[in-house]
C-alpha atoms as a PDB file:
ATOM      1  CA  UNK A   1       0.098  -0.159   0.261  1.00  0.00           C
ATOM      2  CA  UNK A   2       1.358   3.679  -0.812  1.00  0.00           C
ATOM      3  CA  UNK A   3       1.865   5.957   1.745  1.00  0.00           C
ATOM      4  CA  UNK A   4       0.909  10.080   1.360  1.00  0.00           C
ATOM      5  CA  UNK A   5       3.651  12.705   2.904  1.00  0.00           C
ATOM      6  CA  UNK A   6       1.404  15.635   3.850  1.00  0.00           C
ATOM      7  CA  UNK A   7       3.468  19.334   3.279  1.00  0.00           C
ATOM      8  CA  UNK A   8       4.453  18.969   7.337  1.00  0.00           C
ATOM      9  CA  UNK A   9       6.365  15.901   5.992  1.00  0.00           C
ATOM     10  CA  UNK A  10       4.332  13.315   8.357  1.00  0.00           C
ATOM     11  CA  UNK A  11       2.995   9.868   6.090  1.00  0.00           C
ATOM     12  CA  UNK A  12      -0.043   8.711   6.219  1.00  0.00           C
ATOM     13  CA  UNK A  13      -1.007   5.207   4.233  1.00  0.00           C
ATOM     14  CA  UNK A  14      -3.594   5.606   1.095  1.00  0.00           C
ATOM     15  CA  UNK A  15      -6.536   5.902   1.869  1.00  0.00           C
ATOM     16  CA  UNK A  16      -9.027   6.059  -1.392  1.00  0.00           C
ATOM     17  CA  UNK A  17     -12.046   6.202   0.414  1.00  0.00           C
ATOM     18  CA  UNK A  18     -10.495   9.937   1.740  1.00  0.00           C
ATOM     19  CA  UNK A  19     -10.103  10.999  -1.613  1.00  0.00           C
ATOM     20  CA  UNK A  20     -13.627   9.498  -2.791  1.00  0.00           C
ATOM     21  CA  UNK A  21     -15.070  11.239  -0.082  1.00  0.00           C
ATOM     22  CA  UNK A  22     -13.494  14.780  -0.861  1.00  0.00           C
ATOM     23  CA  UNK A  23     -14.867  14.541  -3.993  1.00  0.00           C
ATOM     24  CA  UNK A  24     -18.538  13.734  -2.842  1.00  0.00           C
ATOM     25  CA  UNK A  25     -18.356  16.637  -0.647  1.00  0.00           C
ATOM     26  CA  UNK A  26     -16.999  19.165  -3.167  1.00  0.00           C
ATOM     27  CA  UNK A  27     -20.189  17.630  -5.581  1.00  0.00           C
ATOM     28  CA  UNK A  28     -22.702  18.305  -2.491  1.00  0.00           C
ATOM     29  CA  UNK A  29     -21.520  21.822  -1.953  1.00  0.00           C
ATOM     30  CA  UNK A  30     -21.819  22.551  -5.858  1.00  0.00           C
ATOM     31  CA  UNK A  31     -24.701  21.036  -5.695  1.00  0.00           C
ATOM     32  CA  UNK A  32     -24.862  18.593  -8.023  1.00  0.00           C
ATOM     33  CA  UNK A  33     -27.493  15.131  -7.887  1.00  0.00           C
ATOM     34  CA  UNK A  34     -26.300  11.584  -5.988  1.00  0.00           C
ATOM     35  CA  UNK A  35     -25.936   9.952  -9.835  1.00  0.00           C
ATOM     36  CA  UNK A  36     -23.983  12.826 -11.306  1.00  0.00           C
ATOM     37  CA  UNK A  37     -22.089  12.579  -7.517  1.00  0.00           C
ATOM     38  CA  UNK A  38     -21.779   8.813  -8.483  1.00  0.00           C
ATOM     39  CA  UNK A  39     -20.770   8.930 -11.830  1.00  0.00           C
ATOM     40  CA  UNK A  40     -18.093  12.072 -11.008  1.00  0.00           C
ATOM     41  CA  UNK A  41     -16.333   9.819  -8.877  1.00  0.00           C
ATOM     42  CA  UNK A  42     -16.121   7.351 -11.020  1.00  0.00           C
ATOM     43  CA  UNK A  43     -14.723   9.360 -13.596  1.00  0.00           C
ATOM     44  CA  UNK A  44     -12.158  11.609 -11.412  1.00  0.00           C
ATOM     45  CA  UNK A  45     -11.572   9.799  -8.358  1.00  0.00           C
ATOM     46  CA  UNK A  46     -10.946   6.313  -9.646  1.00  0.00           C
ATOM     47  CA  UNK A  47      -8.958   6.872 -11.778  1.00  0.00           C
ATOM     48  CA  UNK A  48      -6.610   8.835  -9.658  1.00  0.00           C
ATOM     49  CA  UNK A  49      -7.109   6.647  -7.366  1.00  0.00           C
ATOM     50  CA  UNK A  50      -5.695   3.653  -9.507  1.00  0.00           C
ATOM     51  CA  UNK A  51      -3.231   5.337 -10.768  1.00  0.00           C
ATOM     52  CA  UNK A  52      -1.302   6.206  -7.071  1.00  0.00           C
ATOM     53  CA  UNK A  53      -2.300   3.158  -5.347  1.00  0.00           C
ATOM     54  CA  UNK A  54       0.381   0.857  -7.408  1.00  0.00           C
ATOM     55  CA  UNK A  55       2.979   3.596  -6.426  1.00  0.00           C
ATOM     56  CA  UNK A  56       5.219   3.258  -2.643  1.00  0.00           C
ATOM     57  CA  UNK A  57       4.979   7.161  -1.882  1.00  0.00           C
ATOM     58  CA  UNK A  58       2.438   9.514  -2.858  1.00  0.00           C
ATOM     59  CA  UNK A  59       2.846  13.541  -2.475  1.00  0.00           C
ATOM     60  CA  UNK A  60      -0.141  14.859  -1.255  1.00  0.00           C
ATOM     61  CA  UNK A  61      -0.560  17.991  -3.590  1.00  0.00           C
ATOM     62  CA  UNK A  62       0.272  15.427  -6.851  1.00  0.00           C
ATOM     63  CA  UNK A  63      -3.157  13.643  -5.133  1.00  0.00           C
ATOM     64  CA  UNK A  64      -4.579  17.356  -5.310  1.00  0.00           C
ATOM     65  CA  UNK A  65      -3.212  18.374  -8.439  1.00  0.00           C
ATOM     66  CA  UNK A  66      -4.061  15.763 -10.386  1.00  0.00           C
ATOM     67  CA  UNK A  67      -7.907  15.284  -8.110  1.00  0.00           C
ATOM     68  CA  UNK A  68      -8.157  19.503  -8.951  1.00  0.00           C
ATOM     69  CA  UNK A  69      -7.311  19.204 -12.847  1.00  0.00           C
ATOM     70  CA  UNK A  70      -9.520  16.505 -14.314  1.00  0.00           C
ATOM     71  CA  UNK A  71     -12.223  18.188 -11.569  1.00  0.00           C
ATOM     72  CA  UNK A  72     -11.409  21.460 -14.226  1.00  0.00           C
ATOM     73  CA  UNK A  73     -11.787  19.180 -16.760  1.00  0.00           C
ATOM     74  CA  UNK A  74     -15.340  17.259 -15.623  1.00  0.00           C
ATOM     75  CA  UNK A  75     -16.783  19.894 -13.252  1.00  0.00           C
ATOM     76  CA  UNK A  76     -15.933  23.347 -12.878  1.00  0.00           C
ATOM     77  CA  UNK A  77     -18.470  24.002 -10.407  1.00  0.00           C
ATOM     78  CA  UNK A  78     -16.991  21.464  -8.389  1.00  0.00           C
ATOM     79  CA  UNK A  79     -13.633  22.235  -8.662  1.00  0.00           C
ATOM     80  CA  UNK A  80     -14.197  25.737  -7.675  1.00  0.00           C
ATOM     81  CA  UNK A  81     -16.851  24.244  -4.757  1.00  0.00           C
ATOM     82  CA  UNK A  82     -13.147  22.171  -3.563  1.00  0.00           C
ATOM     83  CA  UNK A  83     -11.295  25.252  -3.741  1.00  0.00           C
ATOM     84  CA  UNK A  84     -13.208  28.091  -1.683  1.00  0.00           C
ATOM     85  CA  UNK A  85     -12.823  24.767   1.570  1.00  0.00           C
ATOM     86  CA  UNK A  86      -9.158  24.690   0.359  1.00  0.00           C
ATOM     87  CA  UNK A  87      -9.944  28.317   1.539  1.00  0.00           C
ATOM     88  CA  UNK A  88     -11.684  28.297   4.402  1.00  0.00           C
ATOM     89  CA  UNK A  89      -9.903  25.291   6.139  1.00  0.00           C
ATOM     90  CA  UNK A  90      -6.483  27.709   5.602  1.00  0.00           C
ATOM     91  CA  UNK A  91      -7.853  30.438   7.208  1.00  0.00           C
END
């Protein structure tokens, strides 16, 4: 199983459910219905999970960049919701 290196340098086990949950929450915040949310998770989160699952060490920033890049292409409202959450969290 891969390890995720956080900005602080702390390592955590790679947990695919955290990626799925993040996309689901951003989709809900953006007003997507459950069906569209599920489709988005399959189209955006699952490919990223598969890509990074095979690696030994992954930077959290790389995971975030991959997810947001895909969200920017598939669902701008959702990526905007994610970024709003990030800005609130950093305050």
